[in-house]
N, C-alpha and C. Protein backbone atom coordinates (compact mmCIF):
# COMPACT_ATOMS: atom_id res chain seq x y z
N MET A 1 18.31 -0.93 8.91
CA MET A 1 18.58 0.74 7.00
C MET A 1 17.36 1.57 7.19
N SER A 2 18.25 3.14 7.46
CA SER A 2 17.41 3.73 7.11
C SER A 2 17.12 4.87 6.28
N LEU A 3 15.74 4.44 6.02
CA LEU A 3 15.67 5.30 4.54
C LEU A 3 15.44 6.47 4.17
N ILE A 4 15.92 7.51 5.41
CA ILE A 4 15.94 8.82 5.67
C ILE A 4 17.37 9.19 4.29
N PRO A 5 18.16 8.88 4.25
CA PRO A 5 18.91 8.70 3.30
C PRO A 5 18.95 9.10 1.83
N LEU A 6 17.03 8.69 1.67
CA LEU A 6 16.93 8.40 0.40
C LEU A 6 15.97 9.75 0.32
N GLY A 7 16.39 10.88 1.23
CA GLY A 7 15.17 12.29 1.20
C GLY A 7 13.73 12.44 1.09
N PHE A 8 13.54 11.96 -0.18
CA PHE A 8 11.84 11.66 -0.83
C PHE A 8 10.69 11.15 -0.07
N TRP A 9 11.73 9.70 1.12
CA TRP A 9 11.21 9.18 1.15
C TRP A 9 10.51 9.32 3.33
N ALA A 10 11.46 10.24 3.48
CA ALA A 10 11.50 10.44 5.09
C ALA A 10 10.27 11.10 4.99
N ALA A 11 9.74 10.46 5.95
CA ALA A 11 8.09 10.78 6.28
C ALA A 11 7.99 11.97 7.66
N SER A 12 9.13 13.10 7.93
CA SER A 12 9.01 14.14 8.15
C SER A 12 9.96 14.30 8.74
N GLY A 13 9.91 15.64 8.21
CA GLY A 13 11.68 16.96 8.10
C GLY A 13 11.84 17.33 9.52
N GLY A 14 12.82 18.79 9.11
CA GLY A 14 13.28 19.66 9.85
C GLY A 14 13.81 19.04 11.22
N GLY A 15 15.09 19.36 11.42
CA GLY A 15 16.62 19.13 12.23
C GLY A 15 17.26 17.97 11.96
N GLY A 16 16.87 17.12 10.73
CA GLY A 16 17.10 15.65 10.15
C GLY A 16 17.92 14.96 11.44
N GLY A 17 16.49 14.49 12.33
CA GLY A 17 16.44 13.86 13.06
C GLY A 17 15.09 12.69 12.84
N GLY A 18 14.36 12.67 11.75
CA GLY A 18 13.89 11.77 11.06
C GLY A 18 13.09 11.30 11.90
N ALA A 19 12.34 10.34 11.11
CA ALA A 19 10.75 9.93 11.64
C ALA A 19 10.82 8.92 12.66
N ALA A 20 9.12 9.10 13.89
CA ALA A 20 9.99 7.96 14.42
C ALA A 20 8.63 6.93 14.58
N PHE A 21 9.08 5.56 13.32
CA PHE A 21 8.09 4.81 13.05
C PHE A 21 7.83 3.60 14.39
N ASN A 22 6.07 3.47 14.66
CA ASN A 22 5.84 2.93 16.00
C ASN A 22 4.64 1.56 15.46
N LEU A 23 4.95 0.51 15.14
CA LEU A 23 4.05 -0.57 15.13
C LEU A 23 3.28 -0.76 15.86
N LEU A 24 1.77 -0.46 14.95
CA LEU A 24 0.63 -0.72 15.14
C LEU A 24 -0.50 -1.63 15.71
N GLU A 25 -0.37 -2.27 14.54
CA GLU A 25 -1.03 -3.76 14.00
C GLU A 25 -0.30 -4.33 12.83
N THR A 26 -0.36 -6.08 13.25
CA THR A 26 -0.34 -6.65 12.37
C THR A 26 -0.76 -7.57 12.49
N THR A 27 -1.30 -8.42 10.80
CA THR A 27 -2.45 -9.36 10.80
C THR A 27 -1.30 -10.23 9.58
N THR A 28 -1.11 -11.53 10.28
CA THR A 28 -0.65 -12.02 8.97
C THR A 28 -1.82 -13.81 8.86
N LEU A 29 -1.83 -13.92 7.80
CA LEU A 29 -2.82 -14.92 7.19
C LEU A 29 -2.57 -16.39 6.95
N ALA A 30 -3.54 -17.09 7.97
CA ALA A 30 -4.30 -18.22 8.27
C ALA A 30 -4.63 -18.98 7.18
N THR A 31 -5.66 -18.70 6.31
CA THR A 31 -6.51 -18.67 5.25
C THR A 31 -6.32 -18.30 4.47
N GLU A 32 -7.67 -17.91 3.12
CA GLU A 32 -6.89 -17.02 2.63
C GLU A 32 -8.12 -16.39 2.32
N VAL A 33 -7.90 -15.22 2.05
CA VAL A 33 -9.16 -14.46 2.61
C VAL A 33 -9.88 -13.27 1.55
N SER A 34 -10.60 -12.51 1.01
CA SER A 34 -10.79 -11.56 0.17
C SER A 34 -10.46 -10.73 0.13
N SER A 35 -10.06 -9.80 1.84
CA SER A 35 -10.11 -8.36 1.95
C SER A 35 -9.56 -8.72 3.16
N LEU A 36 -8.79 -7.62 3.94
CA LEU A 36 -8.18 -7.10 5.05
C LEU A 36 -8.71 -5.88 5.40
N SER A 37 -9.37 -5.48 6.78
CA SER A 37 -9.09 -4.45 7.62
C SER A 37 -8.23 -3.93 8.37
N PHE A 38 -7.94 -1.77 8.78
CA PHE A 38 -8.06 -1.75 9.88
C PHE A 38 -8.49 -0.91 9.91
N THR A 39 -9.49 -0.86 11.78
CA THR A 39 -10.57 -0.26 12.05
C THR A 39 -9.91 0.46 12.78
N GLY A 40 -11.59 1.72 13.04
CA GLY A 40 -10.76 2.51 14.85
C GLY A 40 -8.99 3.04 14.59
N LEU A 41 -9.38 3.36 13.10
CA LEU A 41 -7.62 4.17 13.39
C LEU A 41 -7.91 5.62 13.61
N GLY A 42 -8.79 5.70 14.20
CA GLY A 42 -8.83 7.43 14.41
C GLY A 42 -7.89 7.55 15.59
N ALA A 43 -8.19 6.20 16.82
CA ALA A 43 -7.53 6.47 18.31
C ALA A 43 -5.83 6.47 18.28
N TYR A 44 -5.25 7.00 17.70
CA TYR A 44 -4.01 7.12 17.05
C TYR A 44 -3.49 8.50 16.49
N ALA A 45 -5.05 8.93 16.18
CA ALA A 45 -5.00 10.62 15.74
C ALA A 45 -3.40 11.79 16.48
N SER A 46 -3.97 11.41 17.93
CA SER A 46 -3.27 12.42 18.87
C SER A 46 -2.12 11.87 18.43
N SER A 47 -1.58 10.62 18.59
CA SER A 47 0.26 11.18 18.45
C SER A 47 0.78 10.49 17.08
N TYR A 48 -0.03 10.80 16.15
CA TYR A 48 0.89 10.21 15.01
C TYR A 48 0.30 11.13 13.79
N LYS A 49 0.98 11.41 12.99
CA LYS A 49 0.66 12.82 11.81
C LYS A 49 0.30 11.65 10.94
N HIS A 50 1.51 10.81 10.18
CA HIS A 50 0.97 10.01 8.88
C HIS A 50 0.55 7.95 9.28
N LEU A 51 0.53 7.41 8.08
CA LEU A 51 0.47 5.82 8.41
C LEU A 51 1.25 5.84 7.65
N GLN A 52 1.45 4.10 7.68
CA GLN A 52 2.27 3.50 6.70
C GLN A 52 2.16 2.20 7.15
N ILE A 53 1.52 1.46 5.92
CA ILE A 53 1.30 -0.30 5.84
C ILE A 53 2.63 -0.71 4.72
N ARG A 54 3.08 -1.72 5.12
CA ARG A 54 4.22 -2.53 4.82
C ARG A 54 3.69 -4.25 4.85
N CYS A 55 3.67 -4.49 3.38
CA CYS A 55 2.90 -6.02 3.21
C CYS A 55 3.62 -6.74 2.35
N VAL A 56 3.51 -8.07 2.70
CA VAL A 56 4.47 -9.57 1.41
C VAL A 56 3.14 -9.66 1.56
N ALA A 57 3.18 -9.83 0.40
CA ALA A 57 1.59 -10.48 -0.28
C ALA A 57 1.19 -11.64 -1.21
N ARG A 58 1.15 -12.35 -1.29
CA ARG A 58 0.96 -13.63 -2.38
C ARG A 58 -0.55 -13.86 -2.31
N ALA A 59 -0.95 -13.83 -3.84
CA ALA A 59 -2.49 -14.09 -4.17
C ALA A 59 -2.63 -16.32 -3.75
N GLY A 60 -4.01 -16.27 -3.57
CA GLY A 60 -4.26 -17.98 -3.70
C GLY A 60 -4.41 -18.85 -4.20
N ALA A 61 -4.23 -17.82 -5.66
CA ALA A 61 -4.85 -18.69 -6.86
C ALA A 61 -3.47 -18.13 -8.28
N SER A 62 -3.57 -18.89 -9.18
CA SER A 62 -2.78 -18.46 -10.64
C SER A 62 -3.09 -17.41 -10.98
N THR A 63 -2.16 -16.20 -11.29
CA THR A 63 -2.32 -15.22 -12.31
C THR A 63 -2.10 -15.00 -12.90
N GLY A 64 -1.80 -16.05 -13.40
CA GLY A 64 -1.44 -16.04 -15.00
C GLY A 64 -0.53 -15.51 -15.40
N ALA A 65 0.61 -16.44 -14.48
CA ALA A 65 2.16 -15.38 -14.95
C ALA A 65 1.79 -14.50 -14.84
N GLY A 66 1.46 -13.00 -14.05
CA GLY A 66 0.93 -11.97 -14.09
C GLY A 66 1.37 -11.52 -12.89
N GLN A 67 0.86 -10.14 -12.36
CA GLN A 67 0.49 -9.77 -11.17
C GLN A 67 -0.71 -9.16 -10.86
N LEU A 68 -1.04 -8.82 -9.29
CA LEU A 68 -1.63 -8.07 -9.04
C LEU A 68 -2.11 -7.25 -8.13
N ASP A 69 -2.53 -6.28 -8.18
CA ASP A 69 -2.62 -4.84 -7.84
C ASP A 69 -3.24 -4.76 -7.07
N LEU A 70 -3.13 -4.37 -5.49
CA LEU A 70 -3.80 -4.12 -4.13
C LEU A 70 -4.62 -2.58 -4.55
N ASP A 71 -5.86 -3.16 -3.66
CA ASP A 71 -6.81 -1.84 -4.14
C ASP A 71 -6.60 -1.93 -2.41
N ILE A 72 -7.48 -0.54 -1.97
CA ILE A 72 -7.21 0.56 -0.82
C ILE A 72 -8.24 1.11 -1.20
N GLU A 73 -9.26 1.54 0.20
CA GLU A 73 -10.75 2.21 0.22
C GLU A 73 -10.26 2.69 1.52
N LEU A 74 -10.55 4.28 2.00
CA LEU A 74 -10.80 4.29 3.48
C LEU A 74 -11.80 5.03 3.53
N ASN A 75 -12.36 4.48 4.73
CA ASN A 75 -13.50 5.22 5.13
C ASN A 75 -14.71 4.49 4.97
N GLY A 76 -14.41 3.30 4.38
CA GLY A 76 -15.44 2.45 3.46
C GLY A 76 -16.32 3.69 2.09
N ASP A 77 -14.96 4.35 1.75
CA ASP A 77 -16.07 5.33 0.76
C ASP A 77 -15.30 4.98 -0.68
N THR A 78 -16.77 4.33 -1.62
CA THR A 78 -16.57 3.79 -2.53
C THR A 78 -16.65 4.20 -3.61
N GLY A 79 -17.05 5.65 -3.48
CA GLY A 79 -17.25 6.56 -4.84
C GLY A 79 -16.05 6.55 -5.60
N SER A 80 -16.28 7.46 -6.26
CA SER A 80 -15.46 7.71 -7.13
C SER A 80 -14.43 9.07 -6.80
N THR A 81 -13.89 8.82 -5.86
CA THR A 81 -12.86 9.75 -5.11
C THR A 81 -11.57 9.57 -5.02
N TYR A 82 -11.07 8.61 -5.53
CA TYR A 82 -9.84 8.49 -6.10
C TYR A 82 -8.85 8.80 -6.69
N ALA A 83 -7.78 8.96 -6.91
CA ALA A 83 -7.24 8.94 -8.27
C ALA A 83 -5.46 7.95 -7.59
N THR A 84 -4.91 7.59 -9.23
CA THR A 84 -4.05 6.52 -9.14
C THR A 84 -2.91 7.05 -9.84
N HIS A 85 -1.23 6.77 -9.69
CA HIS A 85 -0.31 6.85 -10.64
C HIS A 85 0.51 5.93 -11.03
N ARG A 86 1.34 5.79 -11.65
CA ARG A 86 2.37 4.55 -11.07
C ARG A 86 3.15 4.54 -12.23
N LEU A 87 4.84 4.47 -12.00
CA LEU A 87 5.59 4.20 -12.97
C LEU A 87 6.32 2.84 -12.62
N THR A 88 6.03 2.23 -13.21
CA THR A 88 7.15 0.87 -13.83
C THR A 88 8.15 -0.13 -14.21
N ALA A 89 8.82 -0.99 -13.91
CA ALA A 89 10.09 -1.18 -14.70
C ALA A 89 9.74 -2.66 -14.52
N ASN A 90 10.86 -2.77 -15.49
CA ASN A 90 10.73 -4.58 -15.73
C ASN A 90 12.31 -4.49 -15.59
N GLY A 91 13.39 -3.87 -15.72
CA GLY A 91 14.97 -4.23 -16.01
C GLY A 91 15.22 -3.67 -17.88
N SER A 92 14.22 -3.58 -18.67
CA SER A 92 14.21 -3.01 -19.52
C SER A 92 13.32 -2.47 -20.66
N SER A 93 11.91 -2.13 -19.96
CA SER A 93 11.36 -1.28 -19.95
C SER A 93 10.70 -0.04 -19.15
N VAL A 94 10.45 0.94 -19.11
CA VAL A 94 9.50 1.77 -18.51
C VAL A 94 8.39 2.31 -18.78
N THR A 95 6.72 1.71 -17.66
CA THR A 95 5.62 2.48 -18.70
C THR A 95 5.38 3.48 -16.82
N SER A 96 4.35 3.67 -17.68
CA SER A 96 3.46 5.00 -16.62
C SER A 96 2.14 5.23 -16.73
N SER A 97 1.28 5.26 -15.81
CA SER A 97 -0.55 5.42 -15.88
C SER A 97 -1.02 5.96 -15.16
N GLY A 98 -2.11 6.21 -15.23
CA GLY A 98 -2.69 7.03 -13.55
C GLY A 98 -3.82 7.49 -14.68
N GLY A 99 -4.82 7.55 -13.09
CA GLY A 99 -6.47 7.39 -14.05
C GLY A 99 -7.21 8.67 -12.17
N GLY A 100 -8.15 9.22 -12.24
CA GLY A 100 -8.92 9.72 -12.07
C GLY A 100 -10.13 8.91 -11.18
N SER A 101 -11.05 9.93 -10.84
CA SER A 101 -12.49 9.46 -10.34
C SER A 101 -12.62 7.63 -10.76
N ARG A 102 -12.10 7.12 -9.42
CA ARG A 102 -11.79 6.00 -9.10
C ARG A 102 -12.80 5.65 -7.58
N PRO A 103 -12.35 4.21 -7.85
CA PRO A 103 -13.51 4.07 -6.65
C PRO A 103 -12.58 3.36 -5.44
N GLU A 104 -11.52 3.22 -5.73
CA GLU A 104 -10.31 2.42 -4.89
C GLU A 104 -8.99 3.21 -5.06
N MET A 105 -7.69 3.61 -4.56
CA MET A 105 -6.36 3.73 -4.59
C MET A 105 -5.87 2.03 -4.87
N GLU A 106 -4.68 2.63 -5.45
CA GLU A 106 -4.27 1.21 -6.25
C GLU A 106 -3.05 1.75 -6.51
N ILE A 107 -2.55 0.13 -6.26
CA ILE A 107 -1.23 -0.33 -5.25
C ILE A 107 -0.90 -1.60 -6.49
N SER A 108 -0.08 -1.13 -7.66
CA SER A 108 -0.10 -1.58 -9.39
C SER A 108 1.44 -2.99 -8.93
N ASP A 109 0.81 -4.32 -9.63
CA ASP A 109 1.96 -4.91 -10.13
C ASP A 109 2.36 -5.74 -9.46
N PHE A 110 2.08 -6.24 -8.06
CA PHE A 110 2.74 -6.55 -7.42
C PHE A 110 3.23 -7.92 -6.59
N VAL A 111 1.98 -8.16 -6.43
CA VAL A 111 1.20 -9.50 -5.48
C VAL A 111 1.03 -10.73 -7.00
N LEU A 112 2.39 -11.96 -6.36
CA LEU A 112 2.38 -13.12 -7.13
C LEU A 112 1.65 -13.79 -7.06
N GLY A 113 1.38 -15.40 -7.69
CA GLY A 113 0.00 -15.82 -7.66
C GLY A 113 0.86 -17.24 -7.34
N THR A 114 -0.52 -18.67 -7.65
CA THR A 114 0.49 -19.69 -7.15
C THR A 114 1.41 -20.40 -8.19
N ASP A 115 1.21 -19.51 -9.50
CA ASP A 115 2.34 -20.18 -10.73
C ASP A 115 3.69 -19.91 -9.95
N SER A 116 3.89 -18.81 -9.45
CA SER A 116 5.40 -18.45 -9.01
C SER A 116 5.67 -19.60 -8.39
N PRO A 117 7.26 -19.28 -8.15
CA PRO A 117 7.66 -20.56 -7.19
C PRO A 117 6.99 -20.32 -5.55
N ALA A 118 7.45 -21.31 -5.30
CA ALA A 118 7.04 -21.70 -3.93
C ALA A 118 8.25 -20.27 -2.70
N GLY A 119 6.99 -20.12 -2.01
CA GLY A 119 7.63 -19.12 -1.12
C GLY A 119 7.65 -17.33 -1.60
N ALA A 120 7.61 -17.09 -2.46
CA ALA A 120 7.37 -15.88 -3.47
C ALA A 120 6.39 -14.95 -3.08
N PHE A 121 7.12 -13.91 -2.99
CA PHE A 121 5.80 -12.51 -2.65
C PHE A 121 6.38 -11.73 -3.25
N GLY A 122 5.48 -10.19 -3.41
CA GLY A 122 5.58 -9.22 -3.63
C GLY A 122 5.79 -8.41 -2.01
N VAL A 123 6.13 -7.58 -2.98
CA VAL A 123 6.40 -6.64 -1.22
C VAL A 123 5.87 -5.28 -1.24
N ALA A 124 5.18 -4.38 -0.73
CA ALA A 124 4.86 -2.96 -0.99
C ALA A 124 5.48 -2.46 0.67
N VAL A 125 5.36 -0.78 0.30
CA VAL A 125 5.76 -0.27 1.56
C VAL A 125 4.22 0.86 0.72
N VAL A 126 3.65 1.26 2.05
CA VAL A 126 2.47 2.42 1.10
C VAL A 126 2.52 3.76 2.65
N ASP A 127 2.88 4.62 2.28
CA ASP A 127 3.00 5.85 2.94
C ASP A 127 1.22 6.59 3.03
N PHE A 128 0.22 6.70 4.66
CA PHE A 128 -0.87 7.80 4.04
C PHE A 128 -0.13 9.31 5.04
N LEU A 129 0.21 10.22 3.93
CA LEU A 129 0.70 11.41 4.05
C LEU A 129 -0.90 12.13 5.10
N ASP A 130 0.25 12.81 6.42
CA ASP A 130 -1.62 13.67 7.26
C ASP A 130 -2.31 12.73 6.70
N ALA A 131 -2.23 11.13 7.84
CA ALA A 131 -3.82 10.92 7.17
C ALA A 131 -4.78 11.38 8.54
N PHE A 132 -4.44 12.35 9.29
CA PHE A 132 -4.95 12.31 10.44
C PHE A 132 -5.88 14.03 10.45
N SER A 133 -5.12 14.66 8.82
CA SER A 133 -5.48 15.98 9.32
C SER A 133 -7.54 15.61 8.09
N ASN A 134 -7.69 17.24 8.32
CA ASN A 134 -9.23 17.33 8.47
C ASN A 134 -9.35 18.13 7.37
N THR A 135 -8.87 18.84 7.25
CA THR A 135 -8.60 20.23 6.18
C THR A 135 -7.66 20.09 4.71
N LYS A 136 -6.85 18.81 4.69
CA LYS A 136 -6.87 18.97 2.97
C LYS A 136 -7.21 17.30 2.93
N ASN A 137 -7.00 16.97 1.96
CA ASN A 137 -7.13 15.59 1.04
C ASN A 137 -5.67 14.79 1.54
N THR A 138 -6.29 13.21 1.35
CA THR A 138 -5.13 12.16 2.03
C THR A 138 -4.26 12.00 0.11
N THR A 139 -3.10 12.13 0.34
CA THR A 139 -2.27 11.35 0.09
C THR A 139 -1.77 10.25 0.15
N ILE A 140 -1.12 9.26 -1.00
CA ILE A 140 -0.29 8.12 -0.45
C ILE A 140 0.43 7.90 -1.79
N ARG A 141 1.91 7.61 -0.68
CA ARG A 141 3.02 7.16 -1.50
C ARG A 141 3.42 5.78 -1.83
N ALA A 142 3.80 5.35 -2.48
CA ALA A 142 4.02 3.70 -2.24
C ALA A 142 4.82 3.06 -2.92
N LEU A 143 6.20 2.48 -2.33
CA LEU A 143 7.18 1.51 -3.70
C LEU A 143 6.95 -0.38 -3.07
N ALA A 144 6.53 -0.22 -4.63
CA ALA A 144 6.78 -2.08 -4.40
C ALA A 144 7.16 -2.63 -5.94
N GLY A 145 7.36 -3.95 -5.61
CA GLY A 145 8.00 -4.97 -5.56
C GLY A 145 7.60 -6.50 -5.91
N GLU A 146 8.42 -7.00 -6.73
CA GLU A 146 8.66 -8.78 -6.93
C GLU A 146 9.29 -8.62 -7.70
N THR A 147 10.17 -9.99 -7.50
CA THR A 147 11.72 -11.00 -7.86
C THR A 147 11.45 -12.03 -8.50
N GLY A 148 10.45 -12.70 -7.73
CA GLY A 148 10.07 -14.03 -8.00
C GLY A 148 9.51 -14.74 -9.45
N GLY A 149 8.83 -13.72 -9.68
CA GLY A 149 7.79 -14.41 -11.48
C GLY A 149 8.43 -13.92 -12.21
N SER A 150 7.91 -14.48 -13.17
CA SER A 150 8.59 -14.80 -14.57
C SER A 150 9.04 -13.09 -15.50
N ASP A 151 7.98 -12.47 -14.82
CA ASP A 151 8.17 -10.71 -15.41
C ASP A 151 8.72 -9.89 -14.24
N PRO A 152 9.35 -9.99 -13.12
CA PRO A 152 9.72 -9.69 -12.01
C PRO A 152 9.78 -7.62 -12.23
N LYS A 153 9.17 -6.84 -11.45
CA LYS A 153 8.62 -5.43 -11.45
C LYS A 153 8.76 -4.76 -10.17
N ILE A 154 9.07 -3.30 -10.53
CA ILE A 154 9.40 -2.94 -9.33
C ILE A 154 8.37 -1.20 -9.38
N THR A 155 7.22 -0.68 -8.74
CA THR A 155 6.68 0.28 -9.00
C THR A 155 6.91 1.30 -8.02
N LEU A 156 6.61 2.20 -8.64
CA LEU A 156 6.61 3.23 -8.04
C LEU A 156 4.90 4.14 -7.83
N ASN A 157 4.58 4.20 -6.91
CA ASN A 157 2.46 4.50 -6.99
C ASN A 157 1.79 5.87 -5.89
N SER A 158 2.31 6.88 -6.74
CA SER A 158 1.40 7.71 -5.86
C SER A 158 0.03 8.03 -5.65
N GLY A 159 -1.15 8.67 -5.24
CA GLY A 159 -2.53 8.72 -5.00
C GLY A 159 -3.15 9.15 -4.26
N ALA A 160 -4.45 9.96 -4.52
CA ALA A 160 -5.14 11.04 -3.62
C ALA A 160 -6.40 10.53 -3.46
N TRP A 161 -7.02 10.43 -1.96
CA TRP A 161 -8.32 10.35 -2.02
C TRP A 161 -8.94 12.08 -1.61
N PHE A 162 -9.84 12.28 -2.62
CA PHE A 162 -9.97 13.54 -2.50
C PHE A 162 -11.40 14.34 -1.92
N ASN A 163 -11.08 13.79 -0.31
CA ASN A 163 -11.62 13.70 0.98
C ASN A 163 -10.82 14.46 2.29
N THR A 164 -11.47 15.37 2.75
CA THR A 164 -10.57 15.97 3.91
C THR A 164 -11.22 15.01 5.06
N ASP A 165 -11.84 14.39 4.98
CA ASP A 165 -11.62 13.85 6.72
C ASP A 165 -10.65 12.75 6.55
N SER A 166 -10.60 12.88 8.13
CA SER A 166 -9.65 12.07 8.83
C SER A 166 -9.32 10.36 8.51
N ILE A 167 -8.32 9.72 8.63
CA ILE A 167 -8.58 8.34 8.37
C ILE A 167 -9.31 7.41 9.86
N THR A 168 -10.09 7.06 9.25
CA THR A 168 -11.07 5.78 10.40
C THR A 168 -10.60 4.86 10.17
N SER A 169 -10.91 4.64 9.19
CA SER A 169 -10.23 2.91 9.10
C SER A 169 -10.07 2.79 6.95
N MET A 170 -9.24 0.93 6.75
CA MET A 170 -9.47 1.25 5.31
C MET A 170 -9.32 -0.54 5.23
N LEU A 171 -10.09 -0.62 3.58
CA LEU A 171 -10.12 -1.94 3.73
C LEU A 171 -8.77 -2.08 2.13
N ILE A 172 -8.45 -3.45 2.83
CA ILE A 172 -7.10 -3.59 1.38
C ILE A 172 -8.22 -4.92 0.96
N ASP A 173 -7.91 -4.81 -0.56
CA ASP A 173 -7.99 -5.83 -1.19
C ASP A 173 -7.25 -5.96 -2.80
N LEU A 174 -7.29 -7.68 -2.60
CA LEU A 174 -6.53 -7.86 -4.14
C LEU A 174 -6.69 -7.97 -5.58
N ASN A 175 -8.37 -6.72 -5.47
CA ASN A 175 -8.56 -7.09 -7.75
C ASN A 175 -9.02 -7.98 -7.74
N GLY A 176 -9.96 -8.47 -6.94
CA GLY A 176 -10.96 -9.40 -7.04
C GLY A 176 -10.80 -10.96 -6.93
N SER A 177 -8.83 -11.11 -6.92
CA SER A 177 -8.47 -12.34 -5.49
C SER A 177 -8.87 -12.52 -4.31
N LEU A 178 -7.93 -14.02 -3.77
CA LEU A 178 -7.97 -13.94 -2.45
C LEU A 178 -6.63 -14.31 -2.37
N PHE A 179 -6.33 -13.08 -1.29
CA PHE A 179 -4.92 -13.22 -0.48
C PHE A 179 -4.79 -14.83 0.09
N GLY A 180 -3.06 -14.71 -0.34
CA GLY A 180 -2.96 -15.94 0.10
C GLY A 180 -2.48 -16.30 1.29
N VAL A 181 -2.47 -17.38 1.69
CA VAL A 181 -1.34 -17.57 3.40
C VAL A 181 0.00 -17.19 3.35
N ASN A 182 0.21 -16.29 4.59
CA ASN A 182 1.05 -16.18 5.40
C ASN A 182 1.23 -14.64 4.79
N SER A 183 0.52 -14.49 3.94
CA SER A 183 0.44 -12.81 3.21
C SER A 183 0.39 -12.32 4.85
N ARG A 184 1.51 -10.92 4.56
CA ARG A 184 1.44 -10.47 6.67
C ARG A 184 1.20 -8.65 5.96
N PHE A 185 0.28 -7.74 6.85
CA PHE A 185 0.11 -6.47 6.04
C PHE A 185 0.28 -5.98 7.81
N SER A 186 1.39 -4.86 8.11
CA SER A 186 1.74 -4.19 9.50
C SER A 186 1.17 -3.36 9.05
N LEU A 187 0.63 -1.96 9.91
CA LEU A 187 0.89 -0.99 10.33
C LEU A 187 1.21 -0.29 11.32
N TYR A 188 1.86 0.74 10.75
CA TYR A 188 2.82 2.22 11.16
C TYR A 188 2.74 2.79 11.82
N GLY A 189 2.67 3.57 12.65
CA GLY A 189 2.25 5.02 13.01
C GLY A 189 3.56 5.65 13.47
N VAL A 190 3.33 7.05 11.88
CA VAL A 190 5.06 7.66 11.85
C VAL A 190 4.94 9.02 12.33
N LYS A 191 5.23 9.75 13.42
CA LYS A 191 5.18 11.06 14.27
C LYS A 191 5.92 12.07 13.50
């Protein structure tokens, strides 16, 4: 199924040809971990314009009937150089929030814990637009959600890294918790 008909999700424009997505790396967790990294991303700069992470994630512990946020740091930058925004819907209400001067970008409210039904995972698609540009700040957009918990949600997220460096690495963690076994993270290059 193509996401190109959704227009706003098309990663490249012009000519109606759509984007070419190529799988670059995949990590499937065999044990619980506090974080994972994709490094050496500069090697993809000559072949791709954007990067995308597709994840299926679950926490290794109880989340107290809620969902956890996914945090992303770029190039080891833990300064107050990020901003995030989100729009969350649960079928009966919609909320929004945002903030600047943060130490990471946040993809919100979608990672379930062990108190959710077995086999229930949260999912997200995270785009890093113009990931290798060194003339403008990096922006992200993400669609995330889950249906297996007691309060199913979908979130639209956006964010910015206020740095003009090309992305060379990214660290992904689970807001102080551990990622559970069989969580999977796939990195795609987008032409």
